[in-house]
C-alpha atoms as a PDB file:
ATOM      1  CA  UNK A   1      -0.001  -6.818  10.764  1.00  0.00           C
ATOM      2  CA  UNK A   2       3.793  -6.662  10.778  1.00  0.00           C
ATOM      3  CA  UNK A   3       5.700  -7.994   7.648  1.00  0.00           C
ATOM      4  CA  UNK A   4       9.082  -6.933   6.266  1.00  0.00           C
ATOM      5  CA  UNK A   5       9.661  -3.918   4.212  1.00  0.00           C
ATOM      6  CA  UNK A   6      11.021  -4.433   0.871  1.00  0.00           C
ATOM      7  CA  UNK A   7      10.360  -1.199  -1.120  1.00  0.00           C
ATOM      8  CA  UNK A   8       9.750   1.949   0.635  1.00  0.00           C
ATOM      9  CA  UNK A   9       6.660   4.305   0.204  1.00  0.00           C
ATOM     10  CA  UNK A  10       3.092   4.061   1.583  1.00  0.00           C
ATOM     11  CA  UNK A  11       0.036   3.215  -0.460  1.00  0.00           C
ATOM     12  CA  UNK A  12      -3.645   2.438  -0.003  1.00  0.00           C
ATOM     13  CA  UNK A  13      -5.903   0.569  -2.261  1.00  0.00           C
ATOM     14  CA  UNK A  14      -8.085  -2.664  -2.655  1.00  0.00           C
ATOM     15  CA  UNK A  15      -6.659  -5.980  -2.715  1.00  0.00           C
ATOM     16  CA  UNK A  16      -6.474  -8.159  -5.770  1.00  0.00           C
ATOM     17  CA  UNK A  17      -5.044 -11.566  -4.524  1.00  0.00           C
ATOM     18  CA  UNK A  18      -3.774 -14.718  -6.390  1.00  0.00           C
ATOM     19  CA  UNK A  19      -3.210 -18.016  -4.798  1.00  0.00           C
ATOM     20  CA  UNK A  20      -0.421 -19.024  -7.146  1.00  0.00           C
ATOM     21  CA  UNK A  21       3.150 -17.661  -7.787  1.00  0.00           C
ATOM     22  CA  UNK A  22       3.142 -14.996 -10.489  1.00  0.00           C
ATOM     23  CA  UNK A  23       5.228 -13.769 -13.272  1.00  0.00           C
ATOM     24  CA  UNK A  24       5.159 -10.149 -14.549  1.00  0.00           C
ATOM     25  CA  UNK A  25       6.511 -11.180 -17.924  1.00  0.00           C
ATOM     26  CA  UNK A  26       3.623 -12.614 -19.684  1.00  0.00           C
ATOM     27  CA  UNK A  27       1.218 -12.680 -16.653  1.00  0.00           C
ATOM     28  CA  UNK A  28      -0.060  -9.066 -17.177  1.00  0.00           C
ATOM     29  CA  UNK A  29      -0.438  -6.611 -20.071  1.00  0.00           C
ATOM     30  CA  UNK A  30       1.719  -3.638 -19.013  1.00  0.00           C
ATOM     31  CA  UNK A  31      -0.014  -1.128 -21.201  1.00  0.00           C
ATOM     32  CA  UNK A  32      -3.484  -1.883 -19.637  1.00  0.00           C
ATOM     33  CA  UNK A  33      -2.585  -3.386 -16.161  1.00  0.00           C
ATOM     34  CA  UNK A  34      -5.007  -6.497 -17.041  1.00  0.00           C
ATOM     35  CA  UNK A  35      -3.961  -9.983 -16.137  1.00  0.00           C
ATOM     36  CA  UNK A  36      -3.600 -12.448 -18.982  1.00  0.00           C
ATOM     37  CA  UNK A  37      -4.536 -16.049 -19.230  1.00  0.00           C
ATOM     38  CA  UNK A  38      -1.055 -16.986 -18.204  1.00  0.00           C
ATOM     39  CA  UNK A  39      -1.863 -15.578 -14.751  1.00  0.00           C
ATOM     40  CA  UNK A  40      -4.760 -17.846 -14.187  1.00  0.00           C
ATOM     41  CA  UNK A  41      -6.915 -14.777 -13.459  1.00  0.00           C
ATOM     42  CA  UNK A  42      -7.504 -13.481 -16.939  1.00  0.00           C
ATOM     43  CA  UNK A  43      -9.189 -10.205 -17.310  1.00  0.00           C
ATOM     44  CA  UNK A  44      -8.706  -8.619 -13.769  1.00  0.00           C
ATOM     45  CA  UNK A  45      -6.817  -5.356 -13.399  1.00  0.00           C
ATOM     46  CA  UNK A  46      -4.060  -4.745 -11.012  1.00  0.00           C
ATOM     47  CA  UNK A  47      -3.782  -1.042 -11.660  1.00  0.00           C
ATOM     48  CA  UNK A  48      -3.718   0.945  -8.565  1.00  0.00           C
ATOM     49  CA  UNK A  49      -4.768  -2.185  -6.594  1.00  0.00           C
ATOM     50  CA  UNK A  50      -2.633  -3.821  -3.643  1.00  0.00           C
ATOM     51  CA  UNK A  51      -1.443  -6.755  -5.496  1.00  0.00           C
ATOM     52  CA  UNK A  52      -0.987  -9.905  -3.365  1.00  0.00           C
ATOM     53  CA  UNK A  53       0.458 -13.230  -4.366  1.00  0.00           C
ATOM     54  CA  UNK A  54       2.776 -15.810  -2.704  1.00  0.00           C
ATOM     55  CA  UNK A  55       5.924 -14.947  -4.612  1.00  0.00           C
ATOM     56  CA  UNK A  56       7.287 -14.037  -8.058  1.00  0.00           C
ATOM     57  CA  UNK A  57       8.606 -16.465 -10.730  1.00  0.00           C
ATOM     58  CA  UNK A  58       9.841 -16.200 -14.363  1.00  0.00           C
ATOM     59  CA  UNK A  59      12.408 -14.233 -16.367  1.00  0.00           C
ATOM     60  CA  UNK A  60      14.443 -11.180 -14.847  1.00  0.00           C
ATOM     61  CA  UNK A  61      12.608  -9.069 -17.633  1.00  0.00           C
ATOM     62  CA  UNK A  62       9.706  -9.206 -15.182  1.00  0.00           C
ATOM     63  CA  UNK A  63      11.490  -6.352 -13.228  1.00  0.00           C
ATOM     64  CA  UNK A  64      11.437  -4.136 -16.245  1.00  0.00           C
ATOM     65  CA  UNK A  65       7.746  -5.052 -16.834  1.00  0.00           C
ATOM     66  CA  UNK A  66       6.913  -3.556 -13.462  1.00  0.00           C
ATOM     67  CA  UNK A  67       8.884  -0.454 -14.297  1.00  0.00           C
ATOM     68  CA  UNK A  68       7.196  -0.045 -17.701  1.00  0.00           C
ATOM     69  CA  UNK A  69       3.864  -0.328 -15.912  1.00  0.00           C
ATOM     70  CA  UNK A  70       4.833   2.410 -13.707  1.00  0.00           C
ATOM     71  CA  UNK A  71       5.643   4.603 -16.645  1.00  0.00           C
ATOM     72  CA  UNK A  72       2.324   3.759 -18.518  1.00  0.00           C
ATOM     73  CA  UNK A  73       0.430   4.560 -15.308  1.00  0.00           C
ATOM     74  CA  UNK A  74      -0.801   0.995 -14.881  1.00  0.00           C
ATOM     75  CA  UNK A  75       1.191  -0.313 -12.005  1.00  0.00           C
ATOM     76  CA  UNK A  76      -0.277  -1.654  -8.858  1.00  0.00           C
ATOM     77  CA  UNK A  77      -0.434   0.732  -5.782  1.00  0.00           C
ATOM     78  CA  UNK A  78       1.598  -1.745  -3.709  1.00  0.00           C
ATOM     79  CA  UNK A  79       2.653  -5.404  -3.675  1.00  0.00           C
ATOM     80  CA  UNK A  80       2.425  -7.999  -0.844  1.00  0.00           C
ATOM     81  CA  UNK A  81       4.121 -11.446  -1.050  1.00  0.00           C
ATOM     82  CA  UNK A  82       4.530 -14.127   1.460  1.00  0.00           C
ATOM     83  CA  UNK A  83       8.144 -14.591   0.312  1.00  0.00           C
ATOM     84  CA  UNK A  84       9.855 -11.901  -1.876  1.00  0.00           C
ATOM     85  CA  UNK A  85      12.223 -12.897  -4.541  1.00  0.00           C
ATOM     86  CA  UNK A  86      14.687 -10.915  -6.467  1.00  0.00           C
ATOM     87  CA  UNK A  87      12.656 -10.209  -9.754  1.00  0.00           C
ATOM     88  CA  UNK A  88       9.650  -8.563  -8.092  1.00  0.00           C
ATOM     89  CA  UNK A  89      11.794  -6.941  -5.494  1.00  0.00           C
ATOM     90  CA  UNK A  90      14.048  -5.404  -7.858  1.00  0.00           C
ATOM     91  CA  UNK A  91      11.100  -4.078 -10.019  1.00  0.00           C
ATOM     92  CA  UNK A  92       9.289  -2.744  -7.216  1.00  0.00           C
ATOM     93  CA  UNK A  93      12.345  -0.755  -5.951  1.00  0.00           C
ATOM     94  CA  UNK A  94      13.057   0.511  -9.512  1.00  0.00           C
ATOM     95  CA  UNK A  95       9.372   1.532 -10.133  1.00  0.00           C
ATOM     96  CA  UNK A  96       8.931   3.050  -6.599  1.00  0.00           C
ATOM     97  CA  UNK A  97       6.082   0.576  -5.718  1.00  0.00           C
ATOM     98  CA  UNK A  98       5.641  -0.040  -1.995  1.00  0.00           C
ATOM     99  CA  UNK A  99       6.297  -3.685  -1.148  1.00  0.00           C
ATOM    100  CA  UNK A 100       6.391  -5.963   1.773  1.00  0.00           C
ATOM    101  CA  UNK A 101       6.666  -9.538   2.433  1.00  0.00           C
ATOM    102  CA  UNK A 102       6.542 -12.198   5.279  1.00  0.00           C
ATOM    103  CA  UNK A 103       2.753 -11.807   5.318  1.00  0.00           C
ATOM    104  CA  UNK A 104       0.171 -14.675   5.803  1.00  0.00           C
ATOM    105  CA  UNK A 105      -2.014 -13.918   2.653  1.00  0.00           C
ATOM    106  CA  UNK A 106      -4.813 -16.083   4.065  1.00  0.00           C
ATOM    107  CA  UNK A 107      -5.871 -13.188   6.249  1.00  0.00           C
ATOM    108  CA  UNK A 108      -6.475 -10.976   3.120  1.00  0.00           C
ATOM    109  CA  UNK A 109      -9.679 -11.102   0.969  1.00  0.00           C
ATOM    110  CA  UNK A 110     -10.242  -9.614  -2.461  1.00  0.00           C
ATOM    111  CA  UNK A 111     -11.621  -6.206  -2.104  1.00  0.00           C
ATOM    112  CA  UNK A 112     -10.297  -5.424   1.365  1.00  0.00           C
ATOM    113  CA  UNK A 113      -9.161  -1.844   1.775  1.00  0.00           C
ATOM    114  CA  UNK A 114      -5.556  -2.039   2.728  1.00  0.00           C
ATOM    115  CA  UNK A 115      -2.832   0.570   3.768  1.00  0.00           C
ATOM    116  CA  UNK A 116       0.653  -0.709   3.025  1.00  0.00           C
ATOM    117  CA  UNK A 117       3.754   0.888   4.629  1.00  0.00           C
ATOM    118  CA  UNK A 118       6.816  -0.287   2.755  1.00  0.00           C
ATOM    119  CA  UNK A 119       9.197   1.297   5.025  1.00  0.00           C
ATOM    120  CA  UNK A 120       7.714   0.050   8.246  1.00  0.00           C
ATOM    121  CA  UNK A 121       6.759  -3.120   6.904  1.00  0.00           C
ATOM    122  CA  UNK A 122       3.122  -3.054   8.061  1.00  0.00           C
ATOM    123  CA  UNK A 123      -0.293  -3.655   6.629  1.00  0.00           C
ATOM    124  CA  UNK A 124      -3.372  -1.915   8.081  1.00  0.00           C
ATOM    125  CA  UNK A 125      -6.891  -3.229   7.542  1.00  0.00           C
ATOM    126  CA  UNK A 126      -9.129  -0.426   8.766  1.00  0.00           C
ATOM    127  CA  UNK A 127     -12.507  -2.072   7.990  1.00  0.00           C
ATOM    128  CA  UNK A 128     -11.634  -5.529   9.552  1.00  0.00           C
ATOM    129  CA  UNK A 129     -12.495  -6.106  13.069  1.00  0.00           C
ATOM    130  CA  UNK A 130     -10.093  -8.205  15.094  1.00  0.00           C
ATOM    131  CA  UNK A 131     -11.262 -10.570  17.878  1.00  0.00           C
ATOM    132  CA  UNK A 132      -9.008 -12.430  20.468  1.00  0.00           C
ATOM    133  CA  UNK A 133     -10.785 -15.889  21.315  1.00  0.00           C
ATOM    134  CA  UNK A 134      -9.843 -19.177  22.840  1.00  0.00           C
ATOM    135  CA  UNK A 135     -10.866 -22.506  21.375  1.00  0.00           C
ATOM    136  CA  UNK A 136     -10.574 -25.461  23.726  1.00  0.00           C
ATOM    137  CA  UNK A 137     -10.458 -29.207  22.553  1.00  0.00           C
ATOM    138  CA  UNK A 138     -11.651 -31.631  25.293  1.00  0.00           C
ATOM    139  CA  UNK A 139     -10.492 -35.233  24.805  1.00  0.00           C
ATOM    140  CA  UNK A 140     -11.704 -38.354  26.551  1.00  0.00           C
ATOM    141  CA  UNK A 141     -10.502 -41.779  25.630  1.00  0.00           C
ATOM    142  CA  UNK A 142      -9.217 -40.604  22.416  1.00  0.00           C
ATOM    143  CA  UNK A 143     -12.445 -38.951  21.189  1.00  0.00           C
ATOM    144  CA  UNK A 144     -12.896 -35.132  21.201  1.00  0.00           C
ATOM    145  CA  UNK A 145     -16.015 -33.024  22.106  1.00  0.00           C
ATOM    146  CA  UNK A 146     -17.745 -30.954  19.495  1.00  0.00           C
ATOM    147  CA  UNK A 147     -20.708 -28.702  20.235  1.00  0.00           C
ATOM    148  CA  UNK A 148     -23.372 -27.356  18.031  1.00  0.00           C
ATOM    149  CA  UNK A 149     -23.816 -23.625  18.199  1.00  0.00           C
ATOM    150  CA  UNK A 150     -27.267 -22.310  18.957  1.00  0.00           C
ATOM    151  CA  UNK A 151     -29.156 -19.585  17.184  1.00  0.00           C
ATOM    152  CA  UNK A 152     -28.800 -17.327  20.034  1.00  0.00           C
ATOM    153  CA  UNK A 153     -25.058 -16.861  19.661  1.00  0.00           C
ATOM    154  CA  UNK A 154     -23.813 -13.903  17.713  1.00  0.00           C
ATOM    155  CA  UNK A 155     -21.835 -15.862  15.022  1.00  0.00           C
ATOM    156  CA  UNK A 156     -21.619 -19.167  13.169  1.00  0.00           C
ATOM    157  CA  UNK A 157     -25.110 -20.359  14.314  1.00  0.00           C
ATOM    158  CA  UNK A 158     -25.718 -24.054  13.636  1.00  0.00           C
ATOM    159  CA  UNK A 159     -22.105 -24.854  13.183  1.00  0.00           C
ATOM    160  CA  UNK A 160     -19.976 -27.328  15.165  1.00  0.00           C
ATOM    161  CA  UNK A 161     -17.024 -26.099  17.284  1.00  0.00           C
ATOM    162  CA  UNK A 162     -15.000 -26.799  20.273  1.00  0.00           C
ATOM    163  CA  UNK A 163     -15.501 -24.809  23.646  1.00  0.00           C
ATOM    164  CA  UNK A 164     -14.827 -21.098  22.667  1.00  0.00           C
ATOM    165  CA  UNK A 165     -15.170 -17.622  23.848  1.00  0.00           C
ATOM    166  CA  UNK A 166     -13.886 -14.095  23.816  1.00  0.00           C
ATOM    167  CA  UNK A 167     -10.872 -13.122  25.961  1.00  0.00           C
ATOM    168  CA  UNK A 168     -12.002 -10.293  28.113  1.00  0.00           C
ATOM    169  CA  UNK A 169      -9.722  -7.303  28.974  1.00  0.00           C
ATOM    170  CA  UNK A 170      -7.316  -8.281  31.486  1.00  0.00           C
ATOM    171  CA  UNK A 171      -7.730 -11.979  31.283  1.00  0.00           C
ATOM    172  CA  UNK A 172      -5.057 -14.526  30.293  1.00  0.00           C
ATOM    173  CA  UNK A 173      -5.997 -16.981  27.458  1.00  0.00           C
ATOM    174  CA  UNK A 174      -5.656 -20.041  29.931  1.00  0.00           C
ATOM    175  CA  UNK A 175      -7.859 -18.214  32.396  1.00  0.00           C
ATOM    176  CA  UNK A 176     -10.519 -17.691  29.815  1.00  0.00           C
ATOM    177  CA  UNK A 177     -10.397 -21.194  28.605  1.00  0.00           C
ATOM    178  CA  UNK A 178     -10.964 -22.772  32.003  1.00  0.00           C
ATOM    179  CA  UNK A 179     -13.888 -20.168  32.459  1.00  0.00           C
ATOM    180  CA  UNK A 180     -15.544 -20.947  29.158  1.00  0.00           C
ATOM    181  CA  UNK A 181     -15.132 -24.797  29.634  1.00  0.00           C
ATOM    182  CA  UNK A 182     -17.017 -24.664  33.015  1.00  0.00           C
ATOM    183  CA  UNK A 183     -19.717 -22.289  31.637  1.00  0.00           C
ATOM    184  CA  UNK A 184     -20.432 -24.207  28.435  1.00  0.00           C
ATOM    185  CA  UNK A 185     -20.007 -27.855  29.716  1.00  0.00           C
ATOM    186  CA  UNK A 186     -20.069 -27.795  33.450  1.00  0.00           C
ATOM    187  CA  UNK A 187     -16.755 -29.683  33.524  1.00  0.00           C
ATOM    188  CA  UNK A 188     -13.989 -28.426  36.026  1.00  0.00           C
ATOM    189  CA  UNK A 189     -12.006 -31.554  36.526  1.00  0.00           C
ATOM    190  CA  UNK A 190      -9.558 -31.369  33.578  1.00  0.00           C
ATOM    191  CA  UNK A 191      -5.842 -31.435  32.860  1.00  0.00           C
ATOM    192  CA  UNK A 192      -4.046 -29.181  30.414  1.00  0.00           C
ATOM    193  CA  UNK A 193      -2.134 -31.251  27.787  1.00  0.00           C
ATOM    194  CA  UNK A 194      -0.901 -28.372  25.736  1.00  0.00           C
ATOM    195  CA  UNK A 195      -1.547 -24.865  24.585  1.00  0.00           C
ATOM    196  CA  UNK A 196      -0.844 -24.098  20.823  1.00  0.00           C
ATOM    197  CA  UNK A 197       0.596 -21.117  19.039  1.00  0.00           C
ATOM    198  CA  UNK A 198      -1.958 -18.255  18.395  1.00  0.00           C
ATOM    199  CA  UNK A 199      -3.568 -18.698  14.880  1.00  0.00           C
ATOM    200  CA  UNK A 200      -5.148 -15.996  12.723  1.00  0.00           C
ATOM    201  CA  UNK A 201      -8.330 -16.990  10.761  1.00  0.00           C
ATOM    202  CA  UNK A 202     -10.027 -14.641   8.465  1.00  0.00           C
ATOM    203  CA  UNK A 203     -13.893 -15.028   8.131  1.00  0.00           C
ATOM    204  CA  UNK A 204     -15.791 -12.087   6.370  1.00  0.00           C
ATOM    205  CA  UNK A 205     -15.121  -8.885   8.005  1.00  0.00           C
ATOM    206  CA  UNK A 206     -13.464 -10.408  11.021  1.00  0.00           C
ATOM    207  CA  UNK A 207      -9.991 -11.438  11.807  1.00  0.00           C
ATOM    208  CA  UNK A 208     -10.017 -14.073  14.691  1.00  0.00           C
ATOM    209  CA  UNK A 209      -6.881 -14.463  16.719  1.00  0.00           C
ATOM    210  CA  UNK A 210      -7.444 -17.864  18.210  1.00  0.00           C
ATOM    211  CA  UNK A 211      -5.572 -19.279  21.088  1.00  0.00           C
ATOM    212  CA  UNK A 212      -5.939 -23.047  21.003  1.00  0.00           C
ATOM    213  CA  UNK A 213      -5.853 -25.558  24.117  1.00  0.00           C
ATOM    214  CA  UNK A 214      -6.071 -29.207  24.487  1.00  0.00           C
ATOM    215  CA  UNK A 215      -7.428 -30.639  27.679  1.00  0.00           C
ATOM    216  CA  UNK A 216      -7.831 -34.173  29.082  1.00  0.00           C
ATOM    217  CA  UNK A 217     -10.904 -34.738  30.896  1.00  0.00           C
ATOM    218  CA  UNK A 218     -11.914 -37.700  33.501  1.00  0.00           C
ATOM    219  CA  UNK A 219     -15.687 -38.078  32.513  1.00  0.00           C
ATOM    220  CA  UNK A 220     -17.595 -37.717  29.222  1.00  0.00           C
ATOM    221  CA  UNK A 221     -20.665 -36.133  31.054  1.00  0.00           C
ATOM    222  CA  UNK A 222     -21.341 -32.821  29.683  1.00  0.00           C
ATOM    223  CA  UNK A 223     -24.083 -30.172  30.623  1.00  0.00           C
ATOM    224  CA  UNK A 224     -24.316 -27.794  27.843  1.00  0.00           C
ATOM    225  CA  UNK A 225     -25.752 -24.100  28.304  1.00  0.00           C
ATOM    226  CA  UNK A 226     -27.732 -21.813  26.093  1.00  0.00           C
ATOM    227  CA  UNK A 227     -24.836 -21.381  23.596  1.00  0.00           C
ATOM    228  CA  UNK A 228     -25.257 -24.896  22.252  1.00  0.00           C
ATOM    229  CA  UNK A 229     -28.170 -27.173  21.245  1.00  0.00           C
ATOM    230  CA  UNK A 230     -26.251 -30.537  21.279  1.00  0.00           C
ATOM    231  CA  UNK A 231     -22.824 -32.311  21.521  1.00  0.00           C
ATOM    232  CA  UNK A 232     -21.016 -35.206  20.245  1.00  0.00           C
ATOM    233  CA  UNK A 233     -17.830 -37.035  21.127  1.00  0.00           C
ATOM    234  CA  UNK A 234     -16.172 -38.078  18.036  1.00  0.00           C
ATOM    235  CA  UNK A 235     -12.982 -39.376  16.585  1.00  0.00           C
ATOM    236  CA  UNK A 236     -10.780 -36.530  15.423  1.00  0.00           C
ATOM    237  CA  UNK A 237     -10.573 -37.865  11.826  1.00  0.00           C
ATOM    238  CA  UNK A 238     -14.385 -37.611  11.417  1.00  0.00           C
ATOM    239  CA  UNK A 239     -14.492 -33.943  12.090  1.00  0.00           C
ATOM    240  CA  UNK A 240     -14.540 -33.227   8.276  1.00  0.00           C
ATOM    241  CA  UNK A 241     -18.103 -34.736   8.076  1.00  0.00           C
ATOM    242  CA  UNK A 242     -19.409 -31.834  10.074  1.00  0.00           C
ATOM    243  CA  UNK A 243     -20.026 -28.268   9.223  1.00  0.00           C
ATOM    244  CA  UNK A 244     -17.503 -26.651  11.484  1.00  0.00           C
ATOM    245  CA  UNK A 245     -16.716 -23.037  12.393  1.00  0.00           C
ATOM    246  CA  UNK A 246     -14.033 -21.264  10.361  1.00  0.00           C
ATOM    247  CA  UNK A 247     -10.727 -22.384  11.329  1.00  0.00           C
ATOM    248  CA  UNK A 248     -11.657 -25.294  13.526  1.00  0.00           C
ATOM    249  CA  UNK A 249      -9.797 -28.035  11.634  1.00  0.00           C
ATOM    250  CA  UNK A 250      -6.780 -25.763  11.449  1.00  0.00           C
ATOM    251  CA  UNK A 251      -6.937 -25.649  15.313  1.00  0.00           C
ATOM    252  CA  UNK A 252      -7.259 -29.403  15.466  1.00  0.00           C
ATOM    253  CA  UNK A 253      -4.261 -29.878  13.222  1.00  0.00           C
ATOM    254  CA  UNK A 254      -2.209 -27.567  15.238  1.00  0.00           C
ATOM    255  CA  UNK A 255      -3.016 -28.765  18.710  1.00  0.00           C
ATOM    256  CA  UNK A 256      -3.367 -32.638  18.013  1.00  0.00           C
END
């Protein structure tokens, strides 16, 4: 993944992530590398880890805390932020800790093995597999189609989803979308309303690159194939009452 390089250097380690902004002053014991109660993750160590959090906060003394941690041998191997601010950026540069920002932290999980390149501004996840897929929302008279995945599919069995499928080599996403709709529902008479921006959704060891599409159809008649056991036409606001595949509600919000 491409971000923005803040502090040069290259490092490898396992991710320790926080969901909230973090202050190095008071949030960590610089002599042990252990997070304090003020961090909201008391007892966890960031020593030699790839420390990921949205952005820094607090006193400018936090910059010198990072430097002290480096001198004590307790500093993180690298730092990843969604948005860098001066305190953490300054501390990382002074301590020689590789740092990048402009990264969507939702694609990282605790314990991920990560390679951070502070100069190139990149993150590599060597143990995570990436898959390019389409998710198609079919709409008829204001209702949307959801399908329940069978036990014969490779992922997310028994969950509800839109029409989806892998983008084969050489295919364009829209081409895949139309093909999958016909195979999974028997519908060919449809109108493309809009295509959405590609979304990244993390689920276990996979990173899904989802290309969303919204289609209007002329008839609610559906003929499902082996990939699904049943289907429903529902109001979009009722989708949260179902167990859906990871990222499905994000797709709905983005495309509707």
